[in-house]
Structure formats: structure tokens, C-alpha cells
């Protein structure tokens, strides 16, 4: 049952200011993260301005806040889409729609899992590594603070624009968004983001990973000129960047075998030191 049955003349509506308030509060969702119900307090904090607008009666506001005390956990950057849908449902309920607590909770639970599965490969697996690699490349090229500044500005611009647009999409679509996200769309987005991320990281492998093999294989003197062929020359003739690529594949294989990343890093240090000592590897 609706908490505040109203007539058309008394229709309750969220204002633009309410939507802006929930948008800004989204960035603090995990500030009150807890091990029992994860992000529930943060989600409740985000919903507070809307609940205050939609439920003038104190008891109704208390009831609305209580129903958002349930377990909630999703990717923090995908949360605004869920918030938008819940805002629409709360608005409909406040205006007399037959929406109960279970319906709102079901929508939240039904969306948080699939969206969390999309957020990880898109944001953590694609956007952050690609943007971080670009910024690190600028720093390594001698651009000083330009790289970190670009990373900070672009990352937050992308994040904030995404927050606002997905919240607005969820609010406009309401529960219809669940059908829009069906048909394998989420899976296609996830696969596309993963492929793009791997492609770009593959491009960055020879740029970031440098290996030099100065060991002399042969010396040929012709007309007083000596041509020296090193192990590096042999590898470059086979395929430029071959050894950095093989090293990367080796690290990926070890990670898939559940080898701790710290041990892999230590192993690379040992291989590098022994290789330099033996003359196989060089600076």
C-alpha cells in the first residue's frame, strides 16, 4: 500500500534539486560501509533528500528509511542507476501506487548483482588501467605532474558524468530499465569492455616492458668493419617485443595458477639480478 495517497492536485514530485542532492551524496556511499549489510547505510544516506521530499509525515519517513536498511552491495559506480530506479518507485508509492516494501527491495536486489558484474570489468578492468597507463606514460616521458593531473581530472569527469547520466536514466525508466538491461545486453557490455581493455594493455606491453639481451652471439669482421650480433638482435629478427610479450604471458599464467603477486614480483627481481650478473640481461 502507498504511504501517502494523494490526488492529482497534490501529486508529490522530486525536484531537480533533490536529484542533484542524491547525485552528490552518491560519492559518499561507502563512507559508512559495514560488514553486516555492506553499503546499506550509504544508500540510505543517498536516499534521504528524496524521502524527506516525498513523505511529509514523520512516521512515513521513518518507515521509508527503515526499508532501505536492508542489505545492499554493488559496484559503487553502478549504484546511481539503481538509485534512479528506486527514486522513481518511491515517488510512485508516495503518490498512491500499489508498491510495497518487498517490491522495492526486490528491484534493488535484482539489479545490484548484474550491475556489479559489469562495473568491475568496465571501470576497474578497462577505464582505470587504460587511463592510468596513459598518465604513467606521460610521467615517464618527463611531463612531470601533467600525468597525475590528467588522470585525476579525466577520471573524476568520467565518474561524475556517468553518475548523473545513469541516475537520470534509472529515474526516467523506473522499473522498465530491468527489461532494457535484459537480452544479454549486460553480458555484451562486459565482454566488449574486457576485449577493449586487453587490446589496449597488449599495445602497452612493449612500451612498458623493456628487456635487453646484450650477450654477444657472433662477431664478423669484413673489410675492417666488425659486425656484432647480440641475443637481442636475434629476438628482434624473430619478432620485435617478443620477450616482453612472453614475460607478460608467463606472469598471467602464474596469476591464473593462484601464485601470489608478491612472489611473482620477487621472482622477477631475482631473475633480473641473476640475468644481469651472468651477462644475459642488460640495462
C-alpha atoms as a PDB file:
ATOM      1  CA  UNK A   1       0.000   0.000   0.000  1.00  0.00           C
ATOM      2  CA  UNK A   2       1.071   3.585  -0.592  1.00  0.00           C
ATOM      3  CA  UNK A   3       2.152   5.597   2.392  1.00  0.00           C
ATOM      4  CA  UNK A   4       0.747   8.914   1.144  1.00  0.00           C
ATOM      5  CA  UNK A   5      -2.353   8.517  -1.067  1.00  0.00           C
ATOM      6  CA  UNK A   6      -2.779  11.788  -2.948  1.00  0.00           C
ATOM      7  CA  UNK A   7      -4.952  13.326  -5.573  1.00  0.00           C
ATOM      8  CA  UNK A   8      -3.603  14.674  -8.856  1.00  0.00           C
ATOM      9  CA  UNK A   9      -3.662  18.193  -7.382  1.00  0.00           C
ATOM     10  CA  UNK A  10      -1.488  17.025  -4.526  1.00  0.00           C
ATOM     11  CA  UNK A  11       0.924  14.956  -6.577  1.00  0.00           C
ATOM     12  CA  UNK A  12       4.343  14.701  -4.964  1.00  0.00           C
ATOM     13  CA  UNK A  13       7.291  15.189  -7.290  1.00  0.00           C
ATOM     14  CA  UNK A  14      11.024  15.152  -6.797  1.00  0.00           C
ATOM     15  CA  UNK A  15      12.642  18.430  -7.758  1.00  0.00           C
ATOM     16  CA  UNK A  16      15.820  18.935  -9.744  1.00  0.00           C
ATOM     17  CA  UNK A  17      17.486  19.962  -6.504  1.00  0.00           C
ATOM     18  CA  UNK A  18      16.523  16.631  -4.905  1.00  0.00           C
ATOM     19  CA  UNK A  19      18.090  14.728  -7.791  1.00  0.00           C
ATOM     20  CA  UNK A  20      21.242  16.838  -7.561  1.00  0.00           C
ATOM     21  CA  UNK A  21      21.445  16.134  -3.818  1.00  0.00           C
ATOM     22  CA  UNK A  22      21.232  12.371  -4.329  1.00  0.00           C
ATOM     23  CA  UNK A  23      23.828  12.665  -7.119  1.00  0.00           C
ATOM     24  CA  UNK A  24      26.395  14.383  -4.878  1.00  0.00           C
ATOM     25  CA  UNK A  25      25.724  12.030  -1.989  1.00  0.00           C
ATOM     26  CA  UNK A  26      26.473   9.022  -4.229  1.00  0.00           C
ATOM     27  CA  UNK A  27      30.180   9.703  -3.860  1.00  0.00           C
ATOM     28  CA  UNK A  28      29.959   9.019  -0.124  1.00  0.00           C
ATOM     29  CA  UNK A  29      28.136   5.697  -0.409  1.00  0.00           C
ATOM     30  CA  UNK A  30      30.983   3.654   1.054  1.00  0.00           C
ATOM     31  CA  UNK A  31      31.899   6.103   3.813  1.00  0.00           C
ATOM     32  CA  UNK A  32      29.769   4.070   6.232  1.00  0.00           C
ATOM     33  CA  UNK A  33      30.466   0.628   4.775  1.00  0.00           C
ATOM     34  CA  UNK A  34      29.942  -2.188   7.261  1.00  0.00           C
ATOM     35  CA  UNK A  35      30.496  -5.956   7.271  1.00  0.00           C
ATOM     36  CA  UNK A  36      26.912  -6.864   8.116  1.00  0.00           C
ATOM     37  CA  UNK A  37      24.867  -5.067   5.449  1.00  0.00           C
ATOM     38  CA  UNK A  38      27.671  -3.602   3.331  1.00  0.00           C
ATOM     39  CA  UNK A  39      26.550  -0.337   1.681  1.00  0.00           C
ATOM     40  CA  UNK A  40      23.059  -0.056   3.190  1.00  0.00           C
ATOM     41  CA  UNK A  41      23.791   2.997   5.360  1.00  0.00           C
ATOM     42  CA  UNK A  42      25.407   4.769   2.421  1.00  0.00           C
ATOM     43  CA  UNK A  43      22.414   4.015   0.203  1.00  0.00           C
ATOM     44  CA  UNK A  44      20.098   5.306   2.914  1.00  0.00           C
ATOM     45  CA  UNK A  45      22.141   8.499   3.153  1.00  0.00           C
ATOM     46  CA  UNK A  46      21.789   8.969  -0.611  1.00  0.00           C
ATOM     47  CA  UNK A  47      18.008   8.493  -0.469  1.00  0.00           C
ATOM     48  CA  UNK A  48      17.459  10.859   2.488  1.00  0.00           C
ATOM     49  CA  UNK A  49      16.706  14.085   0.496  1.00  0.00           C
ATOM     50  CA  UNK A  50      14.183  12.287  -1.703  1.00  0.00           C
ATOM     51  CA  UNK A  51      12.462  10.589   1.229  1.00  0.00           C
ATOM     52  CA  UNK A  52      12.193  13.930   3.017  1.00  0.00           C
ATOM     53  CA  UNK A  53      10.522  15.432  -0.054  1.00  0.00           C
ATOM     54  CA  UNK A  54       8.138  12.561  -0.762  1.00  0.00           C
ATOM     55  CA  UNK A  55       6.982  11.785   2.775  1.00  0.00           C
ATOM     56  CA  UNK A  56       5.987  14.910   4.725  1.00  0.00           C
ATOM     57  CA  UNK A  57       4.646  12.748   7.542  1.00  0.00           C
ATOM     58  CA  UNK A  58       7.343  11.800  10.062  1.00  0.00           C
ATOM     59  CA  UNK A  59       6.109   8.219  10.518  1.00  0.00           C
ATOM     60  CA  UNK A  60       6.125   7.682   6.763  1.00  0.00           C
ATOM     61  CA  UNK A  61       9.691   8.992   6.554  1.00  0.00           C
ATOM     62  CA  UNK A  62      10.787   6.633   9.322  1.00  0.00           C
ATOM     63  CA  UNK A  63       9.168   3.679   7.543  1.00  0.00           C
ATOM     64  CA  UNK A  64      10.820   4.652   4.261  1.00  0.00           C
ATOM     65  CA  UNK A  65      14.246   4.894   5.890  1.00  0.00           C
ATOM     66  CA  UNK A  66      13.778   1.531   7.585  1.00  0.00           C
ATOM     67  CA  UNK A  67      13.053  -0.293   4.332  1.00  0.00           C
ATOM     68  CA  UNK A  68      16.421   0.856   2.992  1.00  0.00           C
ATOM     69  CA  UNK A  69      18.244  -0.568   5.991  1.00  0.00           C
ATOM     70  CA  UNK A  70      18.285  -3.949   4.243  1.00  0.00           C
ATOM     71  CA  UNK A  71      21.479  -5.466   2.817  1.00  0.00           C
ATOM     72  CA  UNK A  72      22.804  -3.610  -0.214  1.00  0.00           C
ATOM     73  CA  UNK A  73      26.054  -4.081  -2.101  1.00  0.00           C
ATOM     74  CA  UNK A  74      27.039  -3.342  -5.679  1.00  0.00           C
ATOM     75  CA  UNK A  75      29.799  -1.642  -7.638  1.00  0.00           C
ATOM     76  CA  UNK A  76      29.929   1.926  -6.270  1.00  0.00           C
ATOM     77  CA  UNK A  77      29.942   3.430  -9.754  1.00  0.00           C
ATOM     78  CA  UNK A  78      26.914   1.405 -10.879  1.00  0.00           C
ATOM     79  CA  UNK A  79      24.878   2.303  -7.793  1.00  0.00           C
ATOM     80  CA  UNK A  80      23.361   5.547  -9.261  1.00  0.00           C
ATOM     81  CA  UNK A  81      21.407   3.515 -11.829  1.00  0.00           C
ATOM     82  CA  UNK A  82      19.771   1.574  -9.001  1.00  0.00           C
ATOM     83  CA  UNK A  83      19.196   4.791  -7.059  1.00  0.00           C
ATOM     84  CA  UNK A  84      17.380   6.290 -10.024  1.00  0.00           C
ATOM     85  CA  UNK A  85      15.010   3.327 -10.284  1.00  0.00           C
ATOM     86  CA  UNK A  86      14.326   3.357  -6.537  1.00  0.00           C
ATOM     87  CA  UNK A  87      13.684   7.104  -6.643  1.00  0.00           C
ATOM     88  CA  UNK A  88      11.044   6.541  -9.310  1.00  0.00           C
ATOM     89  CA  UNK A  89       9.440   3.746  -7.302  1.00  0.00           C
ATOM     90  CA  UNK A  90       9.392   5.792  -4.092  1.00  0.00           C
ATOM     91  CA  UNK A  91       7.818   8.692  -5.977  1.00  0.00           C
ATOM     92  CA  UNK A  92       5.125   6.419  -7.407  1.00  0.00           C
ATOM     93  CA  UNK A  93       4.476   4.897  -3.992  1.00  0.00           C
ATOM     94  CA  UNK A  94       4.176   8.309  -2.353  1.00  0.00           C
ATOM     95  CA  UNK A  95       1.535   9.194  -4.936  1.00  0.00           C
ATOM     96  CA  UNK A  96      -0.628   6.161  -4.244  1.00  0.00           C
ATOM     97  CA  UNK A  97       0.836   3.395  -6.427  1.00  0.00           C
ATOM     98  CA  UNK A  98       0.479  -0.130  -5.070  1.00  0.00           C
ATOM     99  CA  UNK A  99       4.198  -0.660  -4.401  1.00  0.00           C
ATOM    100  CA  UNK A 100       5.148  -2.374  -1.164  1.00  0.00           C
ATOM    101  CA  UNK A 101       8.477  -2.752   0.648  1.00  0.00           C
ATOM    102  CA  UNK A 102       9.116  -6.158  -0.899  1.00  0.00           C
ATOM    103  CA  UNK A 103       8.814  -4.775  -4.440  1.00  0.00           C
ATOM    104  CA  UNK A 104      11.378  -2.043  -3.815  1.00  0.00           C
ATOM    105  CA  UNK A 105      13.768  -4.462  -2.108  1.00  0.00           C
ATOM    106  CA  UNK A 106      13.372  -6.991  -4.928  1.00  0.00           C
ATOM    107  CA  UNK A 107      14.299  -4.426  -7.561  1.00  0.00           C
ATOM    108  CA  UNK A 108      17.395  -3.392  -5.590  1.00  0.00           C
ATOM    109  CA  UNK A 109      18.500  -6.998  -5.083  1.00  0.00           C
ATOM    110  CA  UNK A 110      17.756  -7.910  -8.698  1.00  0.00           C
ATOM    111  CA  UNK A 111      19.855  -5.066 -10.097  1.00  0.00           C
ATOM    112  CA  UNK A 112      22.815  -4.899  -7.730  1.00  0.00           C
ATOM    113  CA  UNK A 113      24.318  -8.259  -8.742  1.00  0.00           C
ATOM    114  CA  UNK A 114      24.292  -7.883 -12.553  1.00  0.00           C
ATOM    115  CA  UNK A 115      25.432  -4.251 -12.408  1.00  0.00           C
ATOM    116  CA  UNK A 116      28.281  -5.153 -10.063  1.00  0.00           C
ATOM    117  CA  UNK A 117      29.393  -7.727 -12.640  1.00  0.00           C
ATOM    118  CA  UNK A 118      29.511  -5.001 -15.288  1.00  0.00           C
ATOM    119  CA  UNK A 119      31.192  -2.365 -13.144  1.00  0.00           C
ATOM    120  CA  UNK A 120      34.316  -4.386 -12.364  1.00  0.00           C
ATOM    121  CA  UNK A 121      35.452  -5.103 -15.948  1.00  0.00           C
ATOM    122  CA  UNK A 122      34.370  -1.697 -17.275  1.00  0.00           C
ATOM    123  CA  UNK A 123      35.782   0.563 -14.551  1.00  0.00           C
ATOM    124  CA  UNK A 124      38.477  -1.473 -12.749  1.00  0.00           C
ATOM    125  CA  UNK A 125      39.447  -3.670 -15.719  1.00  0.00           C
ATOM    126  CA  UNK A 126      39.300  -1.152 -18.580  1.00  0.00           C
ATOM    127  CA  UNK A 127      38.919   2.548 -17.782  1.00  0.00           C
ATOM    128  CA  UNK A 128      41.298   2.756 -14.811  1.00  0.00           C
ATOM    129  CA  UNK A 129      44.179   0.681 -16.316  1.00  0.00           C
ATOM    130  CA  UNK A 130      43.959   2.459 -19.668  1.00  0.00           C
ATOM    131  CA  UNK A 131      43.776   5.946 -18.179  1.00  0.00           C
ATOM    132  CA  UNK A 132      46.436   5.103 -15.594  1.00  0.00           C
ATOM    133  CA  UNK A 133      48.754   3.739 -18.281  1.00  0.00           C
ATOM    134  CA  UNK A 134      48.361   6.874 -20.348  1.00  0.00           C
ATOM    135  CA  UNK A 135      49.060   9.093 -17.334  1.00  0.00           C
ATOM    136  CA  UNK A 136      52.067   6.983 -16.312  1.00  0.00           C
ATOM    137  CA  UNK A 137      53.442   7.209 -19.847  1.00  0.00           C
ATOM    138  CA  UNK A 138      53.262  10.993 -19.671  1.00  0.00           C
ATOM    139  CA  UNK A 139      55.058  10.952 -16.323  1.00  0.00           C
ATOM    140  CA  UNK A 140      57.791   8.652 -17.651  1.00  0.00           C
ATOM    141  CA  UNK A 141      58.278  10.852 -20.716  1.00  0.00           C
ATOM    142  CA  UNK A 142      59.244  13.782 -18.488  1.00  0.00           C
ATOM    143  CA  UNK A 143      55.929  15.634 -18.358  1.00  0.00           C
ATOM    144  CA  UNK A 144      56.174  15.936 -14.600  1.00  0.00           C
ATOM    145  CA  UNK A 145      52.867  16.436 -12.827  1.00  0.00           C
ATOM    146  CA  UNK A 146      50.878  16.554 -16.065  1.00  0.00           C
ATOM    147  CA  UNK A 147      50.238  12.783 -15.985  1.00  0.00           C
ATOM    148  CA  UNK A 148      48.761  12.633 -12.443  1.00  0.00           C
ATOM    149  CA  UNK A 149      46.735  15.801 -13.054  1.00  0.00           C
ATOM    150  CA  UNK A 150      45.246  14.403 -16.259  1.00  0.00           C
ATOM    151  CA  UNK A 151      44.416  11.132 -14.514  1.00  0.00           C
ATOM    152  CA  UNK A 152      42.698  12.923 -11.626  1.00  0.00           C
ATOM    153  CA  UNK A 153      40.698  15.316 -13.816  1.00  0.00           C
ATOM    154  CA  UNK A 154      39.637  12.859 -16.533  1.00  0.00           C
ATOM    155  CA  UNK A 155      38.831  10.045 -14.084  1.00  0.00           C
ATOM    156  CA  UNK A 156      36.585  12.242 -11.978  1.00  0.00           C
ATOM    157  CA  UNK A 157      34.919  13.822 -15.005  1.00  0.00           C
ATOM    158  CA  UNK A 158      34.076  10.384 -16.370  1.00  0.00           C
ATOM    159  CA  UNK A 159      32.898   9.222 -12.953  1.00  0.00           C
ATOM    160  CA  UNK A 160      30.659  12.216 -12.256  1.00  0.00           C
ATOM    161  CA  UNK A 161      29.148  12.304 -15.747  1.00  0.00           C
ATOM    162  CA  UNK A 162      28.431   8.575 -15.511  1.00  0.00           C
ATOM    163  CA  UNK A 163      26.877   9.007 -12.042  1.00  0.00           C
ATOM    164  CA  UNK A 164      24.492  11.715 -13.220  1.00  0.00           C
ATOM    165  CA  UNK A 165      23.509  10.128 -16.517  1.00  0.00           C
ATOM    166  CA  UNK A 166      22.839   6.668 -15.070  1.00  0.00           C
ATOM    167  CA  UNK A 167      20.844   8.108 -12.167  1.00  0.00           C
ATOM    168  CA  UNK A 168      18.739  10.109 -14.610  1.00  0.00           C
ATOM    169  CA  UNK A 169      18.290   7.063 -16.840  1.00  0.00           C
ATOM    170  CA  UNK A 170      17.115   4.954 -13.900  1.00  0.00           C
ATOM    171  CA  UNK A 171      14.755   7.704 -12.719  1.00  0.00           C
ATOM    172  CA  UNK A 172      13.198   8.179 -16.170  1.00  0.00           C
ATOM    173  CA  UNK A 173      12.901   4.487 -16.958  1.00  0.00           C
ATOM    174  CA  UNK A 174      11.817   3.282 -13.499  1.00  0.00           C
ATOM    175  CA  UNK A 175      11.269  -0.455 -13.326  1.00  0.00           C
ATOM    176  CA  UNK A 176      11.257  -0.609 -17.155  1.00  0.00           C
ATOM    177  CA  UNK A 177      15.048  -0.426 -17.030  1.00  0.00           C
ATOM    178  CA  UNK A 178      15.188  -4.064 -15.939  1.00  0.00           C
ATOM    179  CA  UNK A 179      13.817  -5.123 -19.332  1.00  0.00           C
ATOM    180  CA  UNK A 180      16.171  -2.699 -21.097  1.00  0.00           C
ATOM    181  CA  UNK A 181      19.101  -4.396 -19.388  1.00  0.00           C
ATOM    182  CA  UNK A 182      17.909  -7.814 -20.456  1.00  0.00           C
ATOM    183  CA  UNK A 183      18.505  -9.636 -23.713  1.00  0.00           C
ATOM    184  CA  UNK A 184      22.159 -10.237 -22.930  1.00  0.00           C
ATOM    185  CA  UNK A 185      22.995  -6.526 -23.071  1.00  0.00           C
ATOM    186  CA  UNK A 186      24.968  -6.590 -19.824  1.00  0.00           C
ATOM    187  CA  UNK A 187      26.953  -9.607 -20.978  1.00  0.00           C
ATOM    188  CA  UNK A 188      27.774  -7.891 -24.282  1.00  0.00           C
ATOM    189  CA  UNK A 189      28.912  -4.726 -22.494  1.00  0.00           C
ATOM    190  CA  UNK A 190      31.079  -6.770 -20.130  1.00  0.00           C
ATOM    191  CA  UNK A 191      32.677  -8.775 -22.940  1.00  0.00           C
ATOM    192  CA  UNK A 192      33.244  -5.651 -25.040  1.00  0.00           C
ATOM    193  CA  UNK A 193      34.912  -3.809 -22.175  1.00  0.00           C
ATOM    194  CA  UNK A 194      37.122  -6.801 -21.395  1.00  0.00           C
ATOM    195  CA  UNK A 195      38.225  -7.162 -25.020  1.00  0.00           C
ATOM    196  CA  UNK A 196      38.958  -3.437 -25.322  1.00  0.00           C
ATOM    197  CA  UNK A 197      40.922  -3.433 -22.073  1.00  0.00           C
ATOM    198  CA  UNK A 198      43.016  -6.440 -23.090  1.00  0.00           C
ATOM    199  CA  UNK A 199      43.668  -4.951 -26.544  1.00  0.00           C
ATOM    200  CA  UNK A 200      44.932  -1.659 -25.126  1.00  0.00           C
ATOM    201  CA  UNK A 201      47.004  -3.364 -22.438  1.00  0.00           C
ATOM    202  CA  UNK A 202      48.524  -5.550 -25.170  1.00  0.00           C
ATOM    203  CA  UNK A 203      49.540  -2.411 -27.062  1.00  0.00           C
ATOM    204  CA  UNK A 204      51.182  -1.044 -23.916  1.00  0.00           C
ATOM    205  CA  UNK A 205      53.218  -4.210 -23.172  1.00  0.00           C
ATOM    206  CA  UNK A 206      56.190  -3.395 -25.463  1.00  0.00           C
ATOM    207  CA  UNK A 207      56.084   0.233 -24.356  1.00  0.00           C
ATOM    208  CA  UNK A 208      56.181  -0.502 -20.656  1.00  0.00           C
ATOM    209  CA  UNK A 209      58.170  -3.728 -20.502  1.00  0.00           C
ATOM    210  CA  UNK A 210      61.792  -3.348 -21.559  1.00  0.00           C
ATOM    211  CA  UNK A 211      64.151  -6.312 -21.804  1.00  0.00           C
ATOM    212  CA  UNK A 212      67.667  -6.148 -23.202  1.00  0.00           C
ATOM    213  CA  UNK A 213      69.844  -9.177 -24.028  1.00  0.00           C
ATOM    214  CA  UNK A 214      73.376  -7.827 -24.726  1.00  0.00           C
ATOM    215  CA  UNK A 215      75.061 -11.254 -24.826  1.00  0.00           C
ATOM    216  CA  UNK A 216      77.211 -11.428 -27.960  1.00  0.00           C
ATOM    217  CA  UNK A 217      76.344 -14.331 -30.258  1.00  0.00           C
ATOM    218  CA  UNK A 218      78.806 -13.671 -33.065  1.00  0.00           C
ATOM    219  CA  UNK A 219      81.367 -11.205 -34.414  1.00  0.00           C
ATOM    220  CA  UNK A 220      82.045 -10.979 -38.130  1.00  0.00           C
ATOM    221  CA  UNK A 221      84.811  -8.744 -39.464  1.00  0.00           C
ATOM    222  CA  UNK A 222      84.508  -7.669 -43.102  1.00  0.00           C
ATOM    223  CA  UNK A 223      86.689  -5.014 -44.773  1.00  0.00           C
ATOM    224  CA  UNK A 224      87.941  -3.890 -41.419  1.00  0.00           C
ATOM    225  CA  UNK A 225      84.441  -3.470 -40.037  1.00  0.00           C
ATOM    226  CA  UNK A 226      83.190  -5.722 -37.262  1.00  0.00           C
ATOM    227  CA  UNK A 227      79.531  -6.609 -37.088  1.00  0.00           C
ATOM    228  CA  UNK A 228      78.386  -7.740 -33.664  1.00  0.00           C
ATOM    229  CA  UNK A 229      75.224  -9.810 -33.313  1.00  0.00           C
ATOM    230  CA  UNK A 230      73.688  -9.936 -29.870  1.00  0.00           C
ATOM    231  CA  UNK A 231      70.969 -12.144 -28.487  1.00  0.00           C
ATOM    232  CA  UNK A 232      68.688  -9.098 -28.599  1.00  0.00           C
ATOM    233  CA  UNK A 233      69.255  -8.797 -32.350  1.00  0.00           C
ATOM    234  CA  UNK A 234      68.183 -12.416 -32.813  1.00  0.00           C
ATOM    235  CA  UNK A 235      64.972 -11.891 -30.853  1.00  0.00           C
ATOM    236  CA  UNK A 236      64.211  -8.680 -32.762  1.00  0.00           C
ATOM    237  CA  UNK A 237      64.594 -10.515 -36.072  1.00  0.00           C
ATOM    238  CA  UNK A 238      62.104 -13.148 -34.947  1.00  0.00           C
ATOM    239  CA  UNK A 239      59.557 -10.659 -33.582  1.00  0.00           C
ATOM    240  CA  UNK A 240      60.210  -7.223 -32.031  1.00  0.00           C
ATOM    241  CA  UNK A 241      58.949  -7.192 -28.455  1.00  0.00           C
ATOM    242  CA  UNK A 242      58.777 -10.991 -28.317  1.00  0.00           C
ATOM    243  CA  UNK A 243      60.446 -11.434 -24.929  1.00  0.00           C
ATOM    244  CA  UNK A 244      58.388  -8.767 -23.085  1.00  0.00           C
ATOM    245  CA  UNK A 245      55.274 -10.417 -24.511  1.00  0.00           C
ATOM    246  CA  UNK A 246      56.376 -13.880 -23.344  1.00  0.00           C
ATOM    247  CA  UNK A 247      57.231 -12.463 -19.915  1.00  0.00           C
ATOM    248  CA  UNK A 248      53.756 -10.938 -19.672  1.00  0.00           C
ATOM    249  CA  UNK A 249      52.120 -14.231 -20.677  1.00  0.00           C
ATOM    250  CA  UNK A 250      54.231 -16.009 -18.083  1.00  0.00           C
ATOM    251  CA  UNK A 251      53.073 -13.654 -15.326  1.00  0.00           C
ATOM    252  CA  UNK A 252      49.444 -14.053 -16.411  1.00  0.00           C
ATOM    253  CA  UNK A 253      49.830 -17.849 -16.344  1.00  0.00           C
ATOM    254  CA  UNK A 254      51.264 -17.717 -12.821  1.00  0.00           C
ATOM    255  CA  UNK A 255      48.421 -15.465 -11.657  1.00  0.00           C
ATOM    256  CA  UNK A 256      45.885 -17.908 -13.075  1.00  0.00           C
ATOM    257  CA  UNK A 257      47.640 -20.653 -11.135  1.00  0.00           C
ATOM    258  CA  UNK A 258      46.873 -18.626  -7.978  1.00  0.00           C
ATOM    259  CA  UNK A 259      50.514 -17.688  -7.400  1.00  0.00           C
ATOM    260  CA  UNK A 260      50.694 -14.669  -5.109  1.00  0.00           C
ATOM    261  CA  UNK A 261      51.567 -11.469  -6.997  1.00  0.00           C
ATOM    262  CA  UNK A 262      54.185 -10.594  -4.363  1.00  0.00           C
ATOM    263  CA  UNK A 263      56.059 -13.826  -5.109  1.00  0.00           C
ATOM    264  CA  UNK A 264      55.924 -13.077  -8.827  1.00  0.00           C
ATOM    265  CA  UNK A 265      57.422  -9.618  -8.238  1.00  0.00           C
ATOM    266  CA  UNK A 266      60.167 -11.054  -6.045  1.00  0.00           C
ATOM    267  CA  UNK A 267      60.839 -13.701  -8.695  1.00  0.00           C
ATOM    268  CA  UNK A 268      61.265 -11.013 -11.343  1.00  0.00           C
ATOM    269  CA  UNK A 269      63.785  -9.252  -9.108  1.00  0.00           C
ATOM    270  CA  UNK A 270      65.775 -12.475  -8.710  1.00  0.00           C
ATOM    271  CA  UNK A 271      65.697 -13.248 -12.447  1.00  0.00           C
ATOM    272  CA  UNK A 272      66.762  -9.697 -13.264  1.00  0.00           C
ATOM    273  CA  UNK A 273      69.677  -9.719 -10.814  1.00  0.00           C
ATOM    274  CA  UNK A 274      70.929 -13.148 -11.893  1.00  0.00           C
ATOM    275  CA  UNK A 275      70.476 -12.283 -15.562  1.00  0.00           C
ATOM    276  CA  UNK A 276      72.488  -9.087 -15.208  1.00  0.00           C
ATOM    277  CA  UNK A 277      75.200 -10.875 -13.190  1.00  0.00           C
ATOM    278  CA  UNK A 278      75.556 -13.580 -15.836  1.00  0.00           C
ATOM    279  CA  UNK A 279      75.602 -11.089 -18.716  1.00  0.00           C
ATOM    280  CA  UNK A 280      72.424 -12.393 -20.328  1.00  0.00           C
ATOM    281  CA  UNK A 281      70.371  -9.342 -19.355  1.00  0.00           C
ATOM    282  CA  UNK A 282      71.490  -5.748 -19.537  1.00  0.00           C
ATOM    283  CA  UNK A 283      70.272  -2.237 -18.856  1.00  0.00           C
END
